[in-house]
Amino acid sequence: MARRGGFPGGGIPGNMNNLMKQAQKMQKQMEEKTKELEEKEWEASAGGGAVTVKVSGKKEVSSVKLSEEVVDPDDIEMLEDLIVAATNEALRKMEEESSAVMGQITGGLNGLGGFPF
């Protein structure tokens, strides 16, 4: 009776073995780049430089700088909006660079071999 399924000889074919090695190499590269990105900071300003925000690759705000002229007790809402705008721009820059770096490693693939898993 013939065996069904599996691989002839019961071993992993050469192509599958190579694919596994490539996946392991890609995973190691991604881990290294992730660590590098987590240690980086991105900065963005709003209001012509009145508000400056720095974020880390860990998606944490590391600093907020305000110029004196933007601190108006009668217009707190504008200051809040500038902080949000600068923070969102810094996070966008971080995400953009992270995506570009990871895309270089994976060749733009979604998941292993282009399969979405």
PDB file of N, CA and C in Angstrom:
ATOM      1  N   MET A   1       0.841  -1.175   0.000  1.00  0.00           N
ATOM      2  CA  MET A   1       0.000   0.000   0.000  1.00  0.00           C
ATOM      3  C   MET A   1       0.890   1.243   0.000  1.00  0.00           C
ATOM      4  N   ALA A   2       0.600   2.155  -0.867  1.00  0.00           N
ATOM      5  CA  ALA A   2       1.406   3.366  -1.009  1.00  0.00           C
ATOM      6  C   ALA A   2       1.097   4.348   0.105  1.00  0.00           C
ATOM      7  N   ARG A   3       2.162   5.027   0.556  1.00  0.00           N
ATOM      8  CA  ARG A   3       1.978   6.060   1.580  1.00  0.00           C
ATOM      9  C   ARG A   3       1.445   7.312   0.928  1.00  0.00           C
ATOM     10  N   ARG A   4       0.568   7.951   1.631  1.00  0.00           N
ATOM     11  CA  ARG A   4       0.039   9.215   1.122  1.00  0.00           C
ATOM     12  C   ARG A   4       0.535  10.340   2.007  1.00  0.00           C
ATOM     13  N   GLY A   5       0.762  11.469   1.389  1.00  0.00           N
ATOM     14  CA  GLY A   5       1.208  12.629   2.158  1.00  0.00           C
ATOM     15  C   GLY A   5       2.672  12.495   2.535  1.00  0.00           C
ATOM     16  N   GLY A   6       3.166  13.488   3.208  1.00  0.00           N
ATOM     17  CA  GLY A   6       4.565  13.475   3.624  1.00  0.00           C
ATOM     18  C   GLY A   6       5.486  13.706   2.451  1.00  0.00           C
ATOM     19  N   PHE A   7       6.755  13.540   2.685  1.00  0.00           N
ATOM     20  CA  PHE A   7       7.755  13.737   1.651  1.00  0.00           C
ATOM     21  C   PHE A   7       8.449  12.419   1.380  1.00  0.00           C
ATOM     22  N   PRO A   8       8.855  12.196   0.134  1.00  0.00           N
ATOM     23  CA  PRO A   8       9.574  10.949  -0.175  1.00  0.00           C
ATOM     24  C   PRO A   8      10.805  10.824   0.721  1.00  0.00           C
ATOM     25  N   GLY A   9      11.007   9.661   1.264  1.00  0.00           N
ATOM     26  CA  GLY A   9      12.160   9.438   2.126  1.00  0.00           C
ATOM     27  C   GLY A   9      11.932   9.946   3.537  1.00  0.00           C
ATOM     28  N   GLY A  10      10.806  10.590   3.789  1.00  0.00           N
ATOM     29  CA  GLY A  10      10.461  11.041   5.129  1.00  0.00           C
ATOM     30  C   GLY A  10      11.198  12.293   5.579  1.00  0.00           C
ATOM     31  N   GLY A  11      12.090  12.851   4.781  1.00  0.00           N
ATOM     32  CA  GLY A  11      12.864  14.032   5.195  1.00  0.00           C
ATOM     33  C   GLY A  11      12.257  15.311   4.674  1.00  0.00           C
ATOM     34  N   ILE A  12      12.829  16.399   5.093  1.00  0.00           N
ATOM     35  CA  ILE A  12      12.390  17.704   4.611  1.00  0.00           C
ATOM     36  C   ILE A  12      13.124  17.977   3.308  1.00  0.00           C
ATOM     37  N   PRO A  13      12.408  18.312   2.251  1.00  0.00           N
ATOM     38  CA  PRO A  13      13.087  18.580   0.983  1.00  0.00           C
ATOM     39  C   PRO A  13      14.006  19.788   1.094  1.00  0.00           C
ATOM     40  N   GLY A  14      15.017  19.835   0.236  1.00  0.00           N
ATOM     41  CA  GLY A  14      16.016  20.907   0.259  1.00  0.00           C
ATOM     42  C   GLY A  14      15.422  22.290   0.204  1.00  0.00           C
ATOM     43  N   ASN A  15      14.409  22.488  -0.643  1.00  0.00           N
ATOM     44  CA  ASN A  15      13.797  23.820  -0.763  1.00  0.00           C
ATOM     45  C   ASN A  15      13.149  24.249   0.546  1.00  0.00           C
ATOM     46  N   MET A  16      12.502  23.337   1.233  1.00  0.00           N
ATOM     47  CA  MET A  16      11.855  23.664   2.509  1.00  0.00           C
ATOM     48  C   MET A  16      12.919  24.006   3.550  1.00  0.00           C
ATOM     49  N   ASN A  17      14.004  23.258   3.556  1.00  0.00           N
ATOM     50  CA  ASN A  17      15.097  23.512   4.495  1.00  0.00           C
ATOM     51  C   ASN A  17      15.694  24.903   4.252  1.00  0.00           C
ATOM     52  N   ASN A  18      15.891  25.238   2.981  1.00  0.00           N
ATOM     53  CA  ASN A  18      16.420  26.572   2.638  1.00  0.00           C
ATOM     54  C   ASN A  18      15.445  27.663   3.057  1.00  0.00           C
ATOM     55  N   LEU A  19      14.159  27.403   2.862  1.00  0.00           N
ATOM     56  CA  LEU A  19      13.142  28.374   3.243  1.00  0.00           C
ATOM     57  C   LEU A  19      13.166  28.611   4.752  1.00  0.00           C
ATOM     58  N   MET A  20      13.328  27.548   5.516  1.00  0.00           N
ATOM     59  CA  MET A  20      13.399  27.683   6.974  1.00  0.00           C
ATOM     60  C   MET A  20      14.630  28.489   7.391  1.00  0.00           C
ATOM     61  N   LYS A  21      15.771  28.236   6.740  1.00  0.00           N
ATOM     62  CA  LYS A  21      16.987  28.990   7.058  1.00  0.00           C
ATOM     63  C   LYS A  21      16.800  30.473   6.732  1.00  0.00           C
ATOM     64  N   GLN A  22      16.165  30.762   5.589  1.00  0.00           N
ATOM     65  CA  GLN A  22      15.928  32.152   5.203  1.00  0.00           C
ATOM     66  C   GLN A  22      14.984  32.833   6.195  1.00  0.00           C
ATOM     67  N   ALA A  23      13.963  32.096   6.642  1.00  0.00           N
ATOM     68  CA  ALA A  23      13.015  32.659   7.600  1.00  0.00           C
ATOM     69  C   ALA A  23      13.709  32.963   8.926  1.00  0.00           C
ATOM     70  N   GLN A  24      14.597  32.084   9.363  1.00  0.00           N
ATOM     71  CA  GLN A  24      15.327  32.308  10.610  1.00  0.00           C
ATOM     72  C   GLN A  24      16.251  33.514  10.486  1.00  0.00           C
ATOM     73  N   LYS A  25      16.909  33.645   9.338  1.00  0.00           N
ATOM     74  CA  LYS A  25      17.800  34.780   9.105  1.00  0.00           C
ATOM     75  C   LYS A  25      16.987  36.083   9.104  1.00  0.00           C
ATOM     76  N   MET A  26      15.833  36.061   8.440  1.00  0.00           N
ATOM     77  CA  MET A  26      14.971  37.232   8.377  1.00  0.00           C
ATOM     78  C   MET A  26      14.486  37.605   9.778  1.00  0.00           C
ATOM     79  N   GLN A  27      14.125  36.612  10.569  1.00  0.00           N
ATOM     80  CA  GLN A  27      13.649  36.874  11.927  1.00  0.00           C
ATOM     81  C   GLN A  27      14.749  37.525  12.758  1.00  0.00           C
ATOM     82  N   LYS A  28      15.978  37.038  12.627  1.00  0.00           N
ATOM     83  CA  LYS A  28      17.096  37.612  13.384  1.00  0.00           C
ATOM     84  C   LYS A  28      17.335  39.060  12.961  1.00  0.00           C
ATOM     85  N   GLN A  29      17.293  39.322  11.650  1.00  0.00           N
ATOM     86  CA  GLN A  29      17.486  40.684  11.160  1.00  0.00           C
ATOM     87  C   GLN A  29      16.390  41.612  11.685  1.00  0.00           C
ATOM     88  N   MET A  30      15.155  41.120  11.704  1.00  0.00           N
ATOM     89  CA  MET A  30      14.045  41.921  12.182  1.00  0.00           C
ATOM     90  C   MET A  30      14.196  42.227  13.671  1.00  0.00           C
ATOM     91  N   GLU A  31      14.650  41.256  14.443  1.00  0.00           N
ATOM     92  CA  GLU A  31      14.865  41.482  15.874  1.00  0.00           C
ATOM     93  C   GLU A  31      15.945  42.535  16.102  1.00  0.00           C
ATOM     94  N   GLU A  32      17.030  42.460  15.322  1.00  0.00           N
ATOM     95  CA  GLU A  32      18.113  43.432  15.456  1.00  0.00           C
ATOM     96  C   GLU A  32      17.638  44.837  15.092  1.00  0.00           C
ATOM     97  N   LYS A  33      16.912  44.952  13.982  1.00  0.00           N
ATOM     98  CA  LYS A  33      16.424  46.264  13.542  1.00  0.00           C
ATOM     99  C   LYS A  33      15.394  46.816  14.516  1.00  0.00           C
ATOM    100  N   THR A  34      14.546  45.946  15.059  1.00  0.00           N
ATOM    101  CA  THR A  34      13.555  46.388  16.038  1.00  0.00           C
ATOM    102  C   THR A  34      14.251  46.988  17.243  1.00  0.00           C
ATOM    103  N   LYS A  35      15.306  46.341  17.710  1.00  0.00           N
ATOM    104  CA  LYS A  35      16.052  46.855  18.861  1.00  0.00           C
ATOM    105  C   LYS A  35      16.679  48.214  18.530  1.00  0.00           C
ATOM    106  N   GLU A  36      17.264  48.325  17.327  1.00  0.00           N
ATOM    107  CA  GLU A  36      17.854  49.601  16.905  1.00  0.00           C
ATOM    108  C   GLU A  36      16.796  50.701  16.865  1.00  0.00           C
ATOM    109  N   LEU A  37      15.631  50.383  16.290  1.00  0.00           N
ATOM    110  CA  LEU A  37      14.573  51.378  16.167  1.00  0.00           C
ATOM    111  C   LEU A  37      14.031  51.789  17.532  1.00  0.00           C
ATOM    112  N   GLU A  38      13.954  50.846  18.462  1.00  0.00           N
ATOM    113  CA  GLU A  38      13.455  51.169  19.797  1.00  0.00           C
ATOM    114  C   GLU A  38      14.359  52.167  20.515  1.00  0.00           C
ATOM    115  N   GLU A  39      15.633  52.188  20.163  1.00  0.00           N
ATOM    116  CA  GLU A  39      16.597  53.083  20.812  1.00  0.00           C
ATOM    117  C   GLU A  39      16.660  54.458  20.150  1.00  0.00           C
ATOM    118  N   LYS A  40      16.003  54.618  18.999  1.00  0.00           N
ATOM    119  CA  LYS A  40      16.010  55.880  18.270  1.00  0.00           C
ATOM    120  C   LYS A  40      14.938  56.824  18.773  1.00  0.00           C
ATOM    121  N   GLU A  41      15.088  58.112  18.427  1.00  0.00           N
ATOM    122  CA  GLU A  41      14.063  59.107  18.733  1.00  0.00           C
ATOM    123  C   GLU A  41      13.722  59.884  17.468  1.00  0.00           C
ATOM    124  N   TRP A  42      12.456  60.295  17.381  1.00  0.00           N
ATOM    125  CA  TRP A  42      11.981  61.117  16.282  1.00  0.00           C
ATOM    126  C   TRP A  42      11.402  62.374  16.884  1.00  0.00           C
ATOM    127  N   GLU A  43      11.547  63.472  16.153  1.00  0.00           N
ATOM    128  CA  GLU A  43      11.113  64.769  16.659  1.00  0.00           C
ATOM    129  C   GLU A  43      10.221  65.441  15.630  1.00  0.00           C
ATOM    130  N   ALA A  44       9.211  66.124  16.111  1.00  0.00           N
ATOM    131  CA  ALA A  44       8.350  66.907  15.226  1.00  0.00           C
ATOM    132  C   ALA A  44       7.898  68.155  15.978  1.00  0.00           C
ATOM    133  N   SER A  45       7.616  69.209  15.194  1.00  0.00           N
ATOM    134  CA  SER A  45       7.175  70.472  15.775  1.00  0.00           C
ATOM    135  C   SER A  45       5.841  70.880  15.177  1.00  0.00           C
ATOM    136  N   ALA A  46       5.152  71.760  15.900  1.00  0.00           N
ATOM    137  CA  ALA A  46       3.898  72.339  15.427  1.00  0.00           C
ATOM    138  C   ALA A  46       3.886  73.806  15.829  1.00  0.00           C
ATOM    139  N   GLY A  47       3.047  74.576  15.150  1.00  0.00           N
ATOM    140  CA  GLY A  47       2.947  76.004  15.482  1.00  0.00           C
ATOM    141  C   GLY A  47       4.218  76.753  15.169  1.00  0.00           C
ATOM    142  N   GLY A  48       4.879  76.384  14.080  1.00  0.00           N
ATOM    143  CA  GLY A  48       6.105  77.067  13.700  1.00  0.00           C
ATOM    144  C   GLY A  48       7.233  76.869  14.695  1.00  0.00           C
ATOM    145  N   GLY A  49       7.244  75.731  15.364  1.00  0.00           N
ATOM    146  CA  GLY A  49       8.294  75.423  16.325  1.00  0.00           C
ATOM    147  C   GLY A  49       7.930  75.783  17.753  1.00  0.00           C
ATOM    148  N   ALA A  50       6.698  76.244  17.967  1.00  0.00           N
ATOM    149  CA  ALA A  50       6.262  76.618  19.312  1.00  0.00           C
ATOM    150  C   ALA A  50       6.161  75.399  20.229  1.00  0.00           C
ATOM    151  N   VAL A  51       5.841  74.244  19.636  1.00  0.00           N
ATOM    152  CA  VAL A  51       5.747  72.989  20.382  1.00  0.00           C
ATOM    153  C   VAL A  51       6.603  71.958  19.667  1.00  0.00           C
ATOM    154  N   THR A  52       7.481  71.301  20.408  1.00  0.00           N
ATOM    155  CA  THR A  52       8.323  70.245  19.852  1.00  0.00           C
ATOM    156  C   THR A  52       8.177  69.005  20.723  1.00  0.00           C
ATOM    157  N   VAL A  53       7.949  67.873  20.055  1.00  0.00           N
ATOM    158  CA  VAL A  53       7.755  66.604  20.759  1.00  0.00           C
ATOM    159  C   VAL A  53       8.735  65.588  20.215  1.00  0.00           C
ATOM    160  N   LYS A  54       9.325  64.793  21.117  1.00  0.00           N
ATOM    161  CA  LYS A  54      10.180  63.677  20.742  1.00  0.00           C
ATOM    162  C   LYS A  54       9.509  62.395  21.190  1.00  0.00           C
ATOM    163  N   VAL A  55       9.550  61.387  20.306  1.00  0.00           N
ATOM    164  CA  VAL A  55       9.026  60.064  20.650  1.00  0.00           C
ATOM    165  C   VAL A  55      10.111  59.029  20.392  1.00  0.00           C
ATOM    166  N   SER A  56      10.020  57.926  21.131  1.00  0.00           N
ATOM    167  CA  SER A  56      10.977  56.834  20.950  1.00  0.00           C
ATOM    168  C   SER A  56      10.381  55.763  20.049  1.00  0.00           C
ATOM    169  N   GLY A  57      11.229  54.835  19.634  1.00  0.00           N
ATOM    170  CA  GLY A  57      10.782  53.702  18.842  1.00  0.00           C
ATOM    171  C   GLY A  57       9.893  52.758  19.631  1.00  0.00           C
ATOM    172  N   LYS A  58       9.798  52.988  20.916  1.00  0.00           N
ATOM    173  CA  LYS A  58       8.895  52.197  21.758  1.00  0.00           C
ATOM    174  C   LYS A  58       7.520  52.846  21.844  1.00  0.00           C
ATOM    175  N   LYS A  59       7.312  53.868  21.012  1.00  0.00           N
ATOM    176  CA  LYS A  59       6.049  54.603  20.944  1.00  0.00           C
ATOM    177  C   LYS A  59       5.741  55.315  22.255  1.00  0.00           C
ATOM    178  N   GLU A  60       6.779  55.876  22.861  1.00  0.00           N
ATOM    179  CA  GLU A  60       6.633  56.636  24.095  1.00  0.00           C
ATOM    180  C   GLU A  60       7.105  58.061  23.861  1.00  0.00           C
ATOM    181  N   VAL A  61       6.379  59.020  24.415  1.00  0.00           N
ATOM    182  CA  VAL A  61       6.799  60.419  24.337  1.00  0.00           C
ATOM    183  C   VAL A  61       7.961  60.589  25.305  1.00  0.00           C
ATOM    184  N   SER A  62       9.102  61.062  24.785  1.00  0.00           N
ATOM    185  CA  SER A  62      10.276  61.220  25.646  1.00  0.00           C
ATOM    186  C   SER A  62      10.480  62.666  26.078  1.00  0.00           C
ATOM    187  N   SER A  63       9.955  63.624  25.304  1.00  0.00           N
ATOM    188  CA  SER A  63      10.038  65.017  25.751  1.00  0.00           C
ATOM    189  C   SER A  63       9.037  65.885  25.001  1.00  0.00           C
ATOM    190  N   VAL A  64       8.637  66.970  25.672  1.00  0.00           N
ATOM    191  CA  VAL A  64       7.772  67.992  25.089  1.00  0.00           C
ATOM    192  C   VAL A  64       8.394  69.326  25.458  1.00  0.00           C
ATOM    193  N   LYS A  65       8.642  70.168  24.451  1.00  0.00           N
ATOM    194  CA  LYS A  65       9.193  71.502  24.703  1.00  0.00           C
ATOM    195  C   LYS A  65       8.213  72.537  24.186  1.00  0.00           C
ATOM    196  N   LEU A  66       7.968  73.543  25.017  1.00  0.00           N
ATOM    197  CA  LEU A  66       7.043  74.617  24.669  1.00  0.00           C
ATOM    198  C   LEU A  66       7.778  75.943  24.709  1.00  0.00           C
ATOM    199  N   SER A  67       7.534  76.779  23.701  1.00  0.00           N
ATOM    200  CA  SER A  67       8.088  78.131  23.770  1.00  0.00           C
ATOM    201  C   SER A  67       7.155  78.973  24.641  1.00  0.00           C
ATOM    202  N   GLU A  68       7.710  79.959  25.315  1.00  0.00           N
ATOM    203  CA  GLU A  68       6.934  80.762  26.269  1.00  0.00           C
ATOM    204  C   GLU A  68       5.712  81.408  25.636  1.00  0.00           C
ATOM    205  N   GLU A  69       5.857  81.872  24.399  1.00  0.00           N
ATOM    206  CA  GLU A  69       4.749  82.618  23.772  1.00  0.00           C
ATOM    207  C   GLU A  69       3.527  81.737  23.475  1.00  0.00           C
ATOM    208  N   VAL A  70       3.700  80.441  23.454  1.00  0.00           N
ATOM    209  CA  VAL A  70       2.561  79.560  23.179  1.00  0.00           C
ATOM    210  C   VAL A  70       1.780  79.226  24.449  1.00  0.00           C
ATOM    211  N   VAL A  71       2.350  79.539  25.601  1.00  0.00           N
ATOM    212  CA  VAL A  71       1.681  79.254  26.870  1.00  0.00           C
ATOM    213  C   VAL A  71       0.807  80.457  27.231  1.00  0.00           C
ATOM    214  N   ASP A  72      -0.452  80.381  26.789  1.00  0.00           N
ATOM    215  CA  ASP A  72      -1.415  81.442  27.029  1.00  0.00           C
ATOM    216  C   ASP A  72      -2.559  80.856  27.860  1.00  0.00           C
ATOM    217  N   PRO A  73      -2.687  81.277  29.130  1.00  0.00           N
ATOM    218  CA  PRO A  73      -3.732  80.714  29.991  1.00  0.00           C
ATOM    219  C   PRO A  73      -5.145  80.925  29.440  1.00  0.00           C
ATOM    220  N   ASP A  74      -5.296  81.893  28.550  1.00  0.00           N
ATOM    221  CA  ASP A  74      -6.613  82.143  27.964  1.00  0.00           C
ATOM    222  C   ASP A  74      -6.869  81.291  26.723  1.00  0.00           C
ATOM    223  N   ASP A  75      -5.862  80.553  26.278  1.00  0.00           N
ATOM    224  CA  ASP A  75      -6.038  79.719  25.075  1.00  0.00           C
ATOM    225  C   ASP A  75      -5.353  78.365  25.255  1.00  0.00           C
ATOM    226  N   ILE A  76      -5.751  77.665  26.282  1.00  0.00           N
ATOM    227  CA  ILE A  76      -5.202  76.339  26.568  1.00  0.00           C
ATOM    228  C   ILE A  76      -5.513  75.374  25.421  1.00  0.00           C
ATOM    229  N   GLU A  77      -6.670  75.528  24.814  1.00  0.00           N
ATOM    230  CA  GLU A  77      -7.106  74.614  23.743  1.00  0.00           C
ATOM    231  C   GLU A  77      -6.120  74.622  22.567  1.00  0.00           C
ATOM    232  N   MET A  78      -5.619  75.800  22.207  1.00  0.00           N
ATOM    233  CA  MET A  78      -4.655  75.871  21.106  1.00  0.00           C
ATOM    234  C   MET A  78      -3.380  75.115  21.472  1.00  0.00           C
ATOM    235  N   LEU A  79      -2.900  75.273  22.691  1.00  0.00           N
ATOM    236  CA  LEU A  79      -1.702  74.585  23.145  1.00  0.00           C
ATOM    237  C   LEU A  79      -1.914  73.070  23.111  1.00  0.00           C
ATOM    238  N   GLU A  80      -3.061  72.628  23.570  1.00  0.00           N
ATOM    239  CA  GLU A  80      -3.376  71.194  23.536  1.00  0.00           C
ATOM    240  C   GLU A  80      -3.361  70.666  22.103  1.00  0.00           C
ATOM    241  N   ASP A  81      -3.957  71.427  21.186  1.00  0.00           N
ATOM    242  CA  ASP A  81      -3.994  71.023  19.777  1.00  0.00           C
ATOM    243  C   ASP A  81      -2.592  70.942  19.181  1.00  0.00           C
ATOM    244  N   LEU A  82      -1.730  71.899  19.542  1.00  0.00           N
ATOM    245  CA  LEU A  82      -0.357  71.888  19.026  1.00  0.00           C
ATOM    246  C   LEU A  82       0.417  70.684  19.561  1.00  0.00           C
ATOM    247  N   ILE A  83       0.217  70.343  20.817  1.00  0.00           N
ATOM    248  CA  ILE A  83       0.894  69.177  21.403  1.00  0.00           C
ATOM    249  C   ILE A  83       0.431  67.907  20.706  1.00  0.00           C
ATOM    250  N   VAL A  84      -0.863  67.771  20.485  1.00  0.00           N
ATOM    251  CA  VAL A  84      -1.399  66.593  19.787  1.00  0.00           C
ATOM    252  C   VAL A  84      -0.831  66.518  18.372  1.00  0.00           C
ATOM    253  N   ALA A  85      -0.821  67.646  17.662  1.00  0.00           N
ATOM    254  CA  ALA A  85      -0.333  67.664  16.284  1.00  0.00           C
ATOM    255  C   ALA A  85       1.145  67.264  16.212  1.00  0.00           C
ATOM    256  N   ALA A  86       1.960  67.831  17.083  1.00  0.00           N
ATOM    257  CA  ALA A  86       3.391  67.512  17.081  1.00  0.00           C
ATOM    258  C   ALA A  86       3.622  66.052  17.461  1.00  0.00           C
ATOM    259  N   THR A  87       2.872  65.556  18.434  1.00  0.00           N
ATOM    260  CA  THR A  87       3.023  64.158  18.854  1.00  0.00           C
ATOM    261  C   THR A  87       2.635  63.211  17.728  1.00  0.00           C
ATOM    262  N   ASN A  88       1.500  63.476  17.094  1.00  0.00           N
ATOM    263  CA  ASN A  88       1.065  62.610  15.997  1.00  0.00           C
ATOM    264  C   ASN A  88       2.047  62.624  14.834  1.00  0.00           C
ATOM    265  N   GLU A  89       2.634  63.767  14.539  1.00  0.00           N
ATOM    266  CA  GLU A  89       3.613  63.849  13.448  1.00  0.00           C
ATOM    267  C   GLU A  89       4.884  63.077  13.798  1.00  0.00           C
ATOM    268  N   ALA A  90       5.347  63.188  15.034  1.00  0.00           N
ATOM    269  CA  ALA A  90       6.538  62.437  15.449  1.00  0.00           C
ATOM    270  C   ALA A  90       6.274  60.934  15.382  1.00  0.00           C
ATOM    271  N   LEU A  91       5.099  60.509  15.823  1.00  0.00           N
ATOM    272  CA  LEU A  91       4.748  59.085  15.748  1.00  0.00           C
ATOM    273  C   LEU A  91       4.641  58.622  14.300  1.00  0.00           C
ATOM    274  N   ARG A  92       4.092  59.472  13.419  1.00  0.00           N
ATOM    275  CA  ARG A  92       3.985  59.128  12.002  1.00  0.00           C
ATOM    276  C   ARG A  92       5.375  58.926  11.394  1.00  0.00           C
ATOM    277  N   LYS A  93       6.309  59.816  11.736  1.00  0.00           N
ATOM    278  CA  LYS A  93       7.678  59.686  11.236  1.00  0.00           C
ATOM    279  C   LYS A  93       8.302  58.375  11.705  1.00  0.00           C
ATOM    280  N   MET A  94       8.089  58.038  12.973  1.00  0.00           N
ATOM    281  CA  MET A  94       8.639  56.806  13.534  1.00  0.00           C
ATOM    282  C   MET A  94       8.058  55.595  12.831  1.00  0.00           C
ATOM    283  N   GLU A  95       6.749  55.572  12.638  1.00  0.00           N
ATOM    284  CA  GLU A  95       6.088  54.447  11.966  1.00  0.00           C
ATOM    285  C   GLU A  95       6.551  54.317  10.520  1.00  0.00           C
ATOM    286  N   GLU A  96       6.697  55.442   9.841  1.00  0.00           N
ATOM    287  CA  GLU A  96       7.127  55.444   8.447  1.00  0.00           C
ATOM    288  C   GLU A  96       8.523  54.829   8.309  1.00  0.00           C
ATOM    289  N   GLU A  97       9.450  55.255   9.159  1.00  0.00           N
ATOM    290  CA  GLU A  97      10.806  54.712   9.092  1.00  0.00           C
ATOM    291  C   GLU A  97      10.839  53.237   9.484  1.00  0.00           C
ATOM    292  N   SER A  98      10.083  52.877  10.506  1.00  0.00           N
ATOM    293  CA  SER A  98      10.026  51.479  10.941  1.00  0.00           C
ATOM    294  C   SER A  98       9.506  50.586   9.817  1.00  0.00           C
ATOM    295  N   SER A  99       8.444  51.032   9.152  1.00  0.00           N
ATOM    296  CA  SER A  99       7.881  50.251   8.052  1.00  0.00           C
ATOM    297  C   SER A  99       8.876  50.105   6.901  1.00  0.00           C
ATOM    298  N   ALA A 100       9.573  51.199   6.597  1.00  0.00           N
ATOM    299  CA  ALA A 100      10.553  51.152   5.513  1.00  0.00           C
ATOM    300  C   ALA A 100      11.692  50.188   5.840  1.00  0.00           C
ATOM    301  N   VAL A 101      12.192  50.236   7.065  1.00  0.00           N
ATOM    302  CA  VAL A 101      13.297  49.361   7.475  1.00  0.00           C
ATOM    303  C   VAL A 101      12.863  47.902   7.429  1.00  0.00           C
ATOM    304  N   MET A 102      11.698  47.595   7.976  1.00  0.00           N
ATOM    305  CA  MET A 102      11.216  46.212   7.986  1.00  0.00           C
ATOM    306  C   MET A 102      10.889  45.740   6.576  1.00  0.00           C
ATOM    307  N   GLY A 103      10.397  46.647   5.737  1.00  0.00           N
ATOM    308  CA  GLY A 103      10.106  46.300   4.348  1.00  0.00           C
ATOM    309  C   GLY A 103      11.355  45.910   3.578  1.00  0.00           C
ATOM    310  N   GLN A 104      12.494  46.531   3.912  1.00  0.00           N
ATOM    311  CA  GLN A 104      13.755  46.168   3.269  1.00  0.00           C
ATOM    312  C   GLN A 104      14.160  44.743   3.638  1.00  0.00           C
ATOM    313  N   ILE A 105      13.891  44.362   4.866  1.00  0.00           N
ATOM    314  CA  ILE A 105      14.261  43.020   5.326  1.00  0.00           C
ATOM    315  C   ILE A 105      13.361  41.967   4.695  1.00  0.00           C
ATOM    316  N   THR A 106      12.059  42.226   4.690  1.00  0.00           N
ATOM    317  CA  THR A 106      11.103  41.224   4.217  1.00  0.00           C
ATOM    318  C   THR A 106      10.865  41.298   2.715  1.00  0.00           C
ATOM    319  N   GLY A 107      11.414  42.299   2.091  1.00  0.00           N
ATOM    320  CA  GLY A 107      11.172  42.442   0.655  1.00  0.00           C
ATOM    321  C   GLY A 107       9.743  42.856   0.361  1.00  0.00           C
ATOM    322  N   GLY A 108       9.072  43.441   1.344  1.00  0.00           N
ATOM    323  CA  GLY A 108       7.705  43.891   1.162  1.00  0.00           C
ATOM    324  C   GLY A 108       6.671  42.792   1.301  1.00  0.00           C
ATOM    325  N   LEU A 109       7.075  41.624   1.743  1.00  0.00           N
ATOM    326  CA  LEU A 109       6.127  40.515   1.874  1.00  0.00           C
ATOM    327  C   LEU A 109       5.268  40.681   3.117  1.00  0.00           C
ATOM    328  N   ASN A 110       4.049  40.249   3.037  1.00  0.00           N
ATOM    329  CA  ASN A 110       3.184  40.167   4.214  1.00  0.00           C
ATOM    330  C   ASN A 110       3.268  38.740   4.702  1.00  0.00           C
ATOM    331  N   GLY A 111       3.920  38.540   5.807  1.00  0.00           N
ATOM    332  CA  GLY A 111       4.045  37.172   6.310  1.00  0.00           C
ATOM    333  C   GLY A 111       5.091  36.408   5.532  1.00  0.00           C
ATOM    334  N   LEU A 112       5.259  35.164   5.833  1.00  0.00           N
ATOM    335  CA  LEU A 112       6.267  34.303   5.217  1.00  0.00           C
ATOM    336  C   LEU A 112       5.813  33.889   3.824  1.00  0.00           C
ATOM    337  N   GLY A 113       6.664  34.127   2.839  1.00  0.00           N
ATOM    338  CA  GLY A 113       6.356  33.688   1.485  1.00  0.00           C
ATOM    339  C   GLY A 113       5.193  34.428   0.844  1.00  0.00           C
ATOM    340  N   GLY A 114       4.821  35.576   1.388  1.00  0.00           N
ATOM    341  CA  GLY A 114       3.734  36.336   0.809  1.00  0.00           C
ATOM    342  C   GLY A 114       2.362  35.901   1.287  1.00  0.00           C
ATOM    343  N   PHE A 115       2.304  34.928   2.177  1.00  0.00           N
ATOM    344  CA  PHE A 115       1.028  34.481   2.711  1.00  0.00           C
ATOM    345  C   PHE A 115       0.696  35.288   3.939  1.00  0.00           C
ATOM    346  N   PRO A 116      -0.523  35.774   4.071  1.00  0.00           N
ATOM    347  CA  PRO A 116      -0.878  36.636   5.206  1.00  0.00           C
ATOM    348  C   PRO A 116      -1.115  35.871   6.494  1.00  0.00           C
ATOM    349  N   PHE A 117      -0.046  35.379   7.108  1.00  0.00           N
ATOM    350  CA  PHE A 117      -0.182  34.720   8.415  1.00  0.00           C
ATOM    351  C   PHE A 117       0.910  35.140   9.332  1.00  0.00           C
TER     352      PHE A 117
END
